Amino acid sequence: MTGTGAVLEVEHLTKRFDGVTAVDDVSFSARRGEILGLLGPNGAGKTTTIQLLLGLTAPTSGHVRVFGLELPSHRRAILQRVNFSSAYISLPFNLSVRENLEVFGRLYGVKDRSERIARLLEMFEIPDVANTVTGKLSSGQVTRVNLCKAFLNDPEILFLDEPTASLDPDIAEKVRSALKRVQRERGVTILYTSHNMREIELVCDRVIFLSRGRVVAEGTPREILERADAESLEKVFITIARGGAIR
């Protein structure tokens, strides 16, 4: 880990939709250079939390500070230094991979775009698809193109939603290695969601489990396993998904 200062601070974050509480008094922080897992079953509040952290929706109550700046009043300045990737977001199908990345590079104000795009395509081992129309890519290739897009502006904080979804085990391992290398070399803070608990154990420095919008466990993977007296995070996940409690 490259630093100890908190670059993301969440205090008593709550979001209600028509009387339904999706995020319920959530507080946590993420340090510079940390990979923090945000975990939980479907409907736990992960997606809503990420939307709140990106300023895509306003909280009912609570505060989010990024780089010491308050959302939403400093959202533009914050978003210049962060990025987001999801395996479930589609890029324009009728543009080539290079054209898609060029468009986003212009939006992000990236200098030396061609060189940056070429390096990222190499990093995620897809230089051969640069001129391929995005609509003809496999789901695994699309996932890696999305990761290239996410790294275009050299973000200080990266939100990754299921970053290895649709990847075979070999490519998934290479993606994890690339993410760990960028974390180590650049000190990037990564907020990481996944349903692959083995992957979380391999990648994350610390994890937060959500259930019904509330934080029910937080700590390093080892700390949570010891508290839960469980042999794997998958067992912990199943316990939480079925309404069980973690000490």
C-alpha atoms as a PDB file:
ATOM      1  CA  MET A   1       0.000   0.000   0.000  1.00  0.00           C
ATOM      2  CA  THR A   2       1.408   3.382  -0.985  1.00  0.00           C
ATOM      3  CA  GLY A   3      -0.167   5.677   1.555  1.00  0.00           C
ATOM      4  CA  THR A   4      -2.366   5.973   4.602  1.00  0.00           C
ATOM      5  CA  GLY A   5      -4.386   9.146   3.945  1.00  0.00           C
ATOM      6  CA  ALA A   6      -8.111   8.748   3.297  1.00  0.00           C
ATOM      7  CA  VAL A   7      -9.067   9.889  -0.210  1.00  0.00           C
ATOM      8  CA  LEU A   8     -12.701   8.776   0.127  1.00  0.00           C
ATOM      9  CA  GLU A   9     -14.763   9.442   3.250  1.00  0.00           C
ATOM     10  CA  VAL A  10     -18.404   8.413   3.655  1.00  0.00           C
ATOM     11  CA  GLU A  11     -20.363   9.534   6.723  1.00  0.00           C
ATOM     12  CA  HIS A  12     -23.868   8.351   7.655  1.00  0.00           C
ATOM     13  CA  LEU A  13     -24.897   7.998   4.026  1.00  0.00           C
ATOM     14  CA  THR A  14     -28.598   7.265   3.564  1.00  0.00           C
ATOM     15  CA  LYS A  15     -30.745   7.043   0.442  1.00  0.00           C
ATOM     16  CA  ARG A  16     -34.493   6.449   0.362  1.00  0.00           C
ATOM     17  CA  PHE A  17     -36.673   5.897  -2.704  1.00  0.00           C
ATOM     18  CA  ASP A  18     -40.422   6.320  -2.138  1.00  0.00           C
ATOM     19  CA  GLY A  19     -40.157   5.141   1.437  1.00  0.00           C
ATOM     20  CA  VAL A  20     -37.738   2.276   0.678  1.00  0.00           C
ATOM     21  CA  THR A  21     -34.296   2.648   2.271  1.00  0.00           C
ATOM     22  CA  ALA A  22     -31.674   1.450  -0.223  1.00  0.00           C
ATOM     23  CA  VAL A  23     -28.652   2.724   1.724  1.00  0.00           C
ATOM     24  CA  ASP A  24     -28.994   2.980   5.483  1.00  0.00           C
ATOM     25  CA  ASP A  25     -26.528   5.057   7.565  1.00  0.00           C
ATOM     26  CA  VAL A  26     -23.390   3.770   5.801  1.00  0.00           C
ATOM     27  CA  SER A  27     -19.989   5.073   6.928  1.00  0.00           C
ATOM     28  CA  PHE A  28     -16.522   4.029   5.739  1.00  0.00           C
ATOM     29  CA  SER A  29     -13.319   5.412   4.263  1.00  0.00           C
ATOM     30  CA  ALA A  30     -10.758   4.299   1.682  1.00  0.00           C
ATOM     31  CA  ARG A  31      -7.059   5.072   1.854  1.00  0.00           C
ATOM     32  CA  ARG A  32      -4.784   6.069  -0.986  1.00  0.00           C
ATOM     33  CA  GLY A  33      -3.542   2.978  -2.784  1.00  0.00           C
ATOM     34  CA  GLU A  34      -6.079   0.637  -1.175  1.00  0.00           C
ATOM     35  CA  ILE A  35      -8.281  -1.919  -2.936  1.00  0.00           C
ATOM     36  CA  LEU A  36     -11.539  -1.937  -0.999  1.00  0.00           C
ATOM     37  CA  GLY A  37     -14.166  -4.578  -1.734  1.00  0.00           C
ATOM     38  CA  LEU A  38     -17.817  -3.528  -1.564  1.00  0.00           C
ATOM     39  CA  LEU A  39     -19.726  -6.789  -1.238  1.00  0.00           C
ATOM     40  CA  GLY A  40     -23.187  -8.145  -0.624  1.00  0.00           C
ATOM     41  CA  PRO A  41     -26.057 -10.058  -2.211  1.00  0.00           C
ATOM     42  CA  ASN A  42     -28.270  -8.559  -4.902  1.00  0.00           C
ATOM     43  CA  GLY A  43     -30.339  -5.746  -3.418  1.00  0.00           C
ATOM     44  CA  ALA A  44     -27.813  -5.064  -0.655  1.00  0.00           C
ATOM     45  CA  GLY A  45     -27.273  -1.448  -1.779  1.00  0.00           C
ATOM     46  CA  LYS A  46     -23.936  -1.712  -3.613  1.00  0.00           C
ATOM     47  CA  THR A  47     -25.058  -0.101  -6.877  1.00  0.00           C
ATOM     48  CA  THR A  48     -26.889   2.727  -5.115  1.00  0.00           C
ATOM     49  CA  THR A  49     -23.819   3.364  -2.947  1.00  0.00           C
ATOM     50  CA  ILE A  50     -21.580   3.663  -6.009  1.00  0.00           C
ATOM     51  CA  GLN A  51     -24.096   6.004  -7.671  1.00  0.00           C
ATOM     52  CA  LEU A  52     -24.002   8.180  -4.545  1.00  0.00           C
ATOM     53  CA  LEU A  53     -20.183   8.177  -4.523  1.00  0.00           C
ATOM     54  CA  LEU A  54     -20.118   9.284  -8.171  1.00  0.00           C
ATOM     55  CA  GLY A  55     -22.710  11.980  -7.559  1.00  0.00           C
ATOM     56  CA  LEU A  56     -25.164  10.343  -9.989  1.00  0.00           C
ATOM     57  CA  THR A  57     -27.882  10.551  -7.368  1.00  0.00           C
ATOM     58  CA  ALA A  58     -28.224  12.760  -4.302  1.00  0.00           C
ATOM     59  CA  PRO A  59     -28.293  11.260  -0.797  1.00  0.00           C
ATOM     60  CA  THR A  60     -31.285  11.650   1.471  1.00  0.00           C
ATOM     61  CA  SER A  61     -28.783  12.434   4.219  1.00  0.00           C
ATOM     62  CA  GLY A  62     -25.101  12.034   4.975  1.00  0.00           C
ATOM     63  CA  HIS A  63     -21.865  13.265   3.433  1.00  0.00           C
ATOM     64  CA  VAL A  64     -19.338  12.088   0.837  1.00  0.00           C
ATOM     65  CA  ARG A  65     -15.872  13.655   0.646  1.00  0.00           C
ATOM     66  CA  VAL A  66     -13.434  12.773  -2.120  1.00  0.00           C
ATOM     67  CA  PHE A  67      -9.886  14.167  -1.923  1.00  0.00           C
ATOM     68  CA  GLY A  68     -11.198  16.251   0.964  1.00  0.00           C
ATOM     69  CA  LEU A  69     -13.807  17.872  -1.312  1.00  0.00           C
ATOM     70  CA  GLU A  70     -17.545  17.646  -0.658  1.00  0.00           C
ATOM     71  CA  LEU A  71     -19.904  16.050  -3.131  1.00  0.00           C
ATOM     72  CA  PRO A  72     -21.894  17.369  -4.902  1.00  0.00           C
ATOM     73  CA  SER A  73     -20.521  20.927  -4.692  1.00  0.00           C
ATOM     74  CA  HIS A  74     -17.120  19.901  -6.128  1.00  0.00           C
ATOM     75  CA  ARG A  75     -18.351  17.114  -8.398  1.00  0.00           C
ATOM     76  CA  ARG A  76     -16.718  18.408 -11.586  1.00  0.00           C
ATOM     77  CA  ALA A  77     -13.272  18.691  -9.977  1.00  0.00           C
ATOM     78  CA  ILE A  78     -13.656  15.258  -8.364  1.00  0.00           C
ATOM     79  CA  LEU A  79     -14.775  13.461 -11.524  1.00  0.00           C
ATOM     80  CA  GLN A  80     -11.692  14.670 -13.396  1.00  0.00           C
ATOM     81  CA  ARG A  81      -9.651  12.506 -11.011  1.00  0.00           C
ATOM     82  CA  VAL A  82     -11.820   9.357 -10.865  1.00  0.00           C
ATOM     83  CA  ASN A  83     -13.278   6.826 -13.287  1.00  0.00           C
ATOM     84  CA  PHE A  84     -15.712   3.939 -13.384  1.00  0.00           C
ATOM     85  CA  SER A  85     -15.987   0.631 -15.207  1.00  0.00           C
ATOM     86  CA  SER A  86     -18.719  -1.972 -15.285  1.00  0.00           C
ATOM     87  CA  ALA A  87     -18.895  -5.204 -17.210  1.00  0.00           C
ATOM     88  CA  TYR A  88     -22.557  -4.400 -17.835  1.00  0.00           C
ATOM     89  CA  ILE A  89     -22.150  -1.033 -19.615  1.00  0.00           C
ATOM     90  CA  SER A  90     -22.194  -1.030 -23.410  1.00  0.00           C
ATOM     91  CA  LEU A  91     -20.045   1.161 -25.640  1.00  0.00           C
ATOM     92  CA  PRO A  92     -21.338   2.384 -29.035  1.00  0.00           C
ATOM     93  CA  PHE A  93     -21.507  -0.763 -31.188  1.00  0.00           C
ATOM     94  CA  ASN A  94     -20.872   0.933 -34.541  1.00  0.00           C
ATOM     95  CA  LEU A  95     -17.487   2.442 -33.596  1.00  0.00           C
ATOM     96  CA  SER A  96     -14.203   0.584 -33.573  1.00  0.00           C
ATOM     97  CA  VAL A  97     -12.424   0.014 -30.273  1.00  0.00           C
ATOM     98  CA  ARG A  98      -9.875   2.703 -31.135  1.00  0.00           C
ATOM     99  CA  GLU A  99     -12.610   5.185 -32.106  1.00  0.00           C
ATOM    100  CA  ASN A 100     -14.485   4.550 -28.852  1.00  0.00           C
ATOM    101  CA  LEU A 101     -11.363   5.097 -26.772  1.00  0.00           C
ATOM    102  CA  GLU A 102     -10.456   8.169 -28.817  1.00  0.00           C
ATOM    103  CA  VAL A 103     -13.874   9.705 -28.092  1.00  0.00           C
ATOM    104  CA  PHE A 104     -13.535   9.123 -24.360  1.00  0.00           C
ATOM    105  CA  GLY A 105      -9.937  10.309 -24.449  1.00  0.00           C
ATOM    106  CA  ARG A 106     -11.112  13.617 -25.903  1.00  0.00           C
ATOM    107  CA  LEU A 107     -13.877  13.892 -23.298  1.00  0.00           C
ATOM    108  CA  TYR A 108     -11.318  13.319 -20.524  1.00  0.00           C
ATOM    109  CA  GLY A 109      -8.828  15.750 -22.088  1.00  0.00           C
ATOM    110  CA  VAL A 110      -6.142  13.055 -22.347  1.00  0.00           C
ATOM    111  CA  LYS A 111      -2.863  14.192 -23.886  1.00  0.00           C
ATOM    112  CA  ASP A 112      -0.987  11.870 -26.267  1.00  0.00           C
ATOM    113  CA  ARG A 113      -4.191   9.875 -26.696  1.00  0.00           C
ATOM    114  CA  SER A 114      -2.918   7.491 -29.379  1.00  0.00           C
ATOM    115  CA  GLU A 115       0.071   6.476 -27.282  1.00  0.00           C
ATOM    116  CA  ARG A 116      -2.048   6.120 -24.138  1.00  0.00           C
ATOM    117  CA  ILE A 117      -4.639   3.985 -25.951  1.00  0.00           C
ATOM    118  CA  ALA A 118      -1.949   1.730 -27.425  1.00  0.00           C
ATOM    119  CA  ARG A 119      -0.368   1.179 -23.969  1.00  0.00           C
ATOM    120  CA  LEU A 120      -3.707   0.291 -22.381  1.00  0.00           C
ATOM    121  CA  LEU A 121      -4.642  -2.126 -25.152  1.00  0.00           C
ATOM    122  CA  GLU A 122      -1.302  -3.848 -24.604  1.00  0.00           C
ATOM    123  CA  MET A 123      -1.759  -3.878 -20.821  1.00  0.00           C
ATOM    124  CA  PHE A 124      -5.073  -5.719 -21.139  1.00  0.00           C
ATOM    125  CA  GLU A 125      -3.777  -7.876 -24.009  1.00  0.00           C
ATOM    126  CA  ILE A 126      -6.213  -6.803 -26.719  1.00  0.00           C
ATOM    127  CA  PRO A 127      -4.104  -4.762 -29.201  1.00  0.00           C
ATOM    128  CA  ASP A 128      -5.392  -6.985 -32.025  1.00  0.00           C
ATOM    129  CA  VAL A 129      -8.967  -5.657 -31.657  1.00  0.00           C
ATOM    130  CA  ALA A 130      -8.080  -1.951 -31.929  1.00  0.00           C
ATOM    131  CA  ASN A 131      -9.698  -1.629 -35.367  1.00  0.00           C
ATOM    132  CA  THR A 132     -12.543  -4.074 -34.726  1.00  0.00           C
ATOM    133  CA  VAL A 133     -16.087  -2.732 -34.529  1.00  0.00           C
ATOM    134  CA  THR A 134     -17.061  -2.922 -30.864  1.00  0.00           C
ATOM    135  CA  GLY A 135     -20.340  -4.683 -31.640  1.00  0.00           C
ATOM    136  CA  LYS A 136     -18.393  -7.697 -32.939  1.00  0.00           C
ATOM    137  CA  LEU A 137     -16.357  -8.236 -29.753  1.00  0.00           C
ATOM    138  CA  SER A 138     -16.863 -11.086 -27.319  1.00  0.00           C
ATOM    139  CA  SER A 139     -18.194 -10.221 -23.874  1.00  0.00           C
ATOM    140  CA  GLY A 140     -14.726 -10.780 -22.403  1.00  0.00           C
ATOM    141  CA  GLN A 141     -13.161  -8.392 -24.919  1.00  0.00           C
ATOM    142  CA  VAL A 142     -15.818  -5.765 -24.168  1.00  0.00           C
ATOM    143  CA  THR A 143     -14.995  -6.075 -20.456  1.00  0.00           C
ATOM    144  CA  ARG A 144     -11.327  -5.374 -21.174  1.00  0.00           C
ATOM    145  CA  VAL A 145     -12.134  -2.449 -23.482  1.00  0.00           C
ATOM    146  CA  ASN A 146     -14.198  -0.968 -20.643  1.00  0.00           C
ATOM    147  CA  LEU A 147     -11.180  -1.307 -18.359  1.00  0.00           C
ATOM    148  CA  CYS A 148      -9.041   0.502 -20.937  1.00  0.00           C
ATOM    149  CA  LYS A 149     -11.611   3.305 -20.962  1.00  0.00           C
ATOM    150  CA  ALA A 150     -11.543   3.457 -17.169  1.00  0.00           C
ATOM    151  CA  PHE A 151      -7.765   3.963 -17.102  1.00  0.00           C
ATOM    152  CA  LEU A 152      -7.624   6.561 -19.890  1.00  0.00           C
ATOM    153  CA  ASN A 153      -7.493   9.590 -17.578  1.00  0.00           C
ATOM    154  CA  ASP A 154      -5.006   7.958 -15.172  1.00  0.00           C
ATOM    155  CA  PRO A 155      -7.534   8.095 -12.300  1.00  0.00           C
ATOM    156  CA  GLU A 156      -6.617   8.384  -8.639  1.00  0.00           C
ATOM    157  CA  ILE A 157      -9.800   6.540  -7.619  1.00  0.00           C
ATOM    158  CA  LEU A 158     -11.334   3.802  -9.725  1.00  0.00           C
ATOM    159  CA  PHE A 159     -14.776   2.265  -9.213  1.00  0.00           C
ATOM    160  CA  LEU A 160     -14.870  -1.249 -10.677  1.00  0.00           C
ATOM    161  CA  ASP A 161     -18.142  -3.173 -10.904  1.00  0.00           C
ATOM    162  CA  GLU A 162     -17.517  -6.882 -11.588  1.00  0.00           C
ATOM    163  CA  PRO A 163     -14.294  -6.145 -13.537  1.00  0.00           C
ATOM    164  CA  THR A 164     -13.593  -9.794 -14.433  1.00  0.00           C
ATOM    165  CA  ALA A 165     -17.139 -10.813 -15.364  1.00  0.00           C
ATOM    166  CA  SER A 166     -17.289 -12.804 -18.622  1.00  0.00           C
ATOM    167  CA  LEU A 167     -13.533 -13.466 -18.554  1.00  0.00           C
ATOM    168  CA  ASP A 168     -12.071 -16.962 -18.631  1.00  0.00           C
ATOM    169  CA  PRO A 169      -9.862 -17.857 -15.641  1.00  0.00           C
ATOM    170  CA  ASP A 170      -6.596 -17.173 -17.508  1.00  0.00           C
ATOM    171  CA  ILE A 171      -7.569 -13.677 -18.674  1.00  0.00           C
ATOM    172  CA  ALA A 172      -9.220 -12.895 -15.330  1.00  0.00           C
ATOM    173  CA  GLU A 173      -5.934 -13.674 -13.577  1.00  0.00           C
ATOM    174  CA  LYS A 174      -4.057 -11.407 -15.988  1.00  0.00           C
ATOM    175  CA  VAL A 175      -6.553  -8.590 -15.356  1.00  0.00           C
ATOM    176  CA  ARG A 176      -6.159  -8.984 -11.585  1.00  0.00           C
ATOM    177  CA  SER A 177      -2.383  -8.857 -11.979  1.00  0.00           C
ATOM    178  CA  ALA A 178      -2.649  -5.691 -14.089  1.00  0.00           C
ATOM    179  CA  LEU A 179      -4.885  -4.040 -11.483  1.00  0.00           C
ATOM    180  CA  LYS A 180      -2.510  -4.951  -8.657  1.00  0.00           C
ATOM    181  CA  ARG A 181       0.428  -3.602 -10.672  1.00  0.00           C
ATOM    182  CA  VAL A 182      -1.313  -0.272 -11.304  1.00  0.00           C
ATOM    183  CA  GLN A 183      -2.271  -0.070  -7.624  1.00  0.00           C
ATOM    184  CA  ARG A 184       1.325  -0.680  -6.605  1.00  0.00           C
ATOM    185  CA  GLU A 185       2.967   1.595  -9.172  1.00  0.00           C
ATOM    186  CA  ARG A 186       0.443   4.458  -9.291  1.00  0.00           C
ATOM    187  CA  GLY A 187      -1.120   4.343  -5.829  1.00  0.00           C
ATOM    188  CA  VAL A 188      -4.615   4.103  -7.306  1.00  0.00           C
ATOM    189  CA  THR A 189      -7.476   3.575  -4.842  1.00  0.00           C
ATOM    190  CA  ILE A 190      -9.905   0.969  -6.167  1.00  0.00           C
ATOM    191  CA  LEU A 191     -13.449   0.321  -4.960  1.00  0.00           C
ATOM    192  CA  TYR A 192     -14.155  -3.192  -6.165  1.00  0.00           C
ATOM    193  CA  THR A 193     -17.452  -5.073  -6.384  1.00  0.00           C
ATOM    194  CA  SER A 194     -17.646  -8.748  -7.263  1.00  0.00           C
ATOM    195  CA  HIS A 195     -19.614 -11.895  -6.494  1.00  0.00           C
ATOM    196  CA  ASN A 196     -16.422 -13.939  -6.874  1.00  0.00           C
ATOM    197  CA  MET A 197     -15.317 -14.254  -3.262  1.00  0.00           C
ATOM    198  CA  ARG A 198     -12.092 -16.087  -4.087  1.00  0.00           C
ATOM    199  CA  GLU A 199     -11.125 -13.156  -6.291  1.00  0.00           C
ATOM    200  CA  ILE A 200     -11.912 -10.737  -3.466  1.00  0.00           C
ATOM    201  CA  GLU A 201      -9.619 -12.675  -1.121  1.00  0.00           C
ATOM    202  CA  LEU A 202      -6.825 -12.458  -3.693  1.00  0.00           C
ATOM    203  CA  VAL A 203      -7.231  -8.791  -4.621  1.00  0.00           C
ATOM    204  CA  CYS A 204      -8.696  -6.731  -1.771  1.00  0.00           C
ATOM    205  CA  ASP A 205      -6.821  -5.201   1.149  1.00  0.00           C
ATOM    206  CA  ARG A 206     -10.069  -4.680   3.027  1.00  0.00           C
ATOM    207  CA  VAL A 207     -13.743  -5.485   2.465  1.00  0.00           C
ATOM    208  CA  ILE A 208     -17.147  -4.146   3.466  1.00  0.00           C
ATOM    209  CA  PHE A 209     -20.229  -6.361   3.438  1.00  0.00           C
ATOM    210  CA  LEU A 210     -23.617  -4.716   2.940  1.00  0.00           C
ATOM    211  CA  SER A 211     -26.971  -6.281   3.686  1.00  0.00           C
ATOM    212  CA  ARG A 212     -30.278  -4.466   3.224  1.00  0.00           C
ATOM    213  CA  GLY A 213     -28.408  -1.201   2.865  1.00  0.00           C
ATOM    214  CA  ARG A 214     -26.394  -1.474   6.087  1.00  0.00           C
ATOM    215  CA  VAL A 215     -22.754  -2.322   6.785  1.00  0.00           C
ATOM    216  CA  VAL A 216     -22.759  -5.714   8.538  1.00  0.00           C
ATOM    217  CA  ALA A 217     -19.031  -6.526   8.431  1.00  0.00           C
ATOM    218  CA  GLU A 218     -15.833  -4.602   7.723  1.00  0.00           C
ATOM    219  CA  GLY A 219     -12.145  -5.488   7.893  1.00  0.00           C
ATOM    220  CA  THR A 220      -9.424  -7.371   6.078  1.00  0.00           C
ATOM    221  CA  PRO A 221     -10.518 -10.681   4.565  1.00  0.00           C
ATOM    222  CA  ARG A 222      -8.581 -12.491   7.307  1.00  0.00           C
ATOM    223  CA  GLU A 223     -10.208 -10.452  10.080  1.00  0.00           C
ATOM    224  CA  ILE A 224     -13.687 -11.181   8.768  1.00  0.00           C
ATOM    225  CA  LEU A 225     -12.968 -14.884   8.425  1.00  0.00           C
ATOM    226  CA  GLU A 226     -11.752 -15.003  12.026  1.00  0.00           C
ATOM    227  CA  ARG A 227     -14.785 -13.111  13.335  1.00  0.00           C
ATOM    228  CA  ALA A 228     -17.188 -15.263  11.362  1.00  0.00           C
ATOM    229  CA  ASP A 229     -15.274 -18.471  12.185  1.00  0.00           C
ATOM    230  CA  ALA A 230     -15.555 -19.287   8.478  1.00  0.00           C
ATOM    231  CA  GLU A 231     -13.166 -21.014   6.097  1.00  0.00           C
ATOM    232  CA  SER A 232     -13.849 -18.714   3.144  1.00  0.00           C
ATOM    233  CA  LEU A 233     -15.477 -15.411   2.232  1.00  0.00           C
ATOM    234  CA  GLU A 234     -17.928 -17.406   0.137  1.00  0.00           C
ATOM    235  CA  LYS A 235     -19.255 -18.971   3.349  1.00  0.00           C
ATOM    236  CA  VAL A 236     -19.537 -15.497   4.885  1.00  0.00           C
ATOM    237  CA  PHE A 237     -21.358 -14.237   1.783  1.00  0.00           C
ATOM    238  CA  ILE A 238     -23.854 -17.107   1.950  1.00  0.00           C
ATOM    239  CA  THR A 239     -24.467 -16.491   5.651  1.00  0.00           C
ATOM    240  CA  ILE A 240     -25.189 -12.801   5.024  1.00  0.00           C
ATOM    241  CA  ALA A 241     -27.316 -13.501   1.934  1.00  0.00           C
ATOM    242  CA  ARG A 242     -29.485 -15.833   4.022  1.00  0.00           C
ATOM    243  CA  GLY A 243     -29.986 -13.239   6.734  1.00  0.00           C
ATOM    244  CA  GLY A 244     -27.390 -14.558   9.174  1.00  0.00           C
ATOM    245  CA  ALA A 245     -25.281 -12.313  11.421  1.00  0.00           C
ATOM    246  CA  ILE A 246     -21.504 -11.895  11.586  1.00  0.00           C
ATOM    247  CA  ARG A 247     -19.884 -11.125  14.895  1.00  0.00           C
END
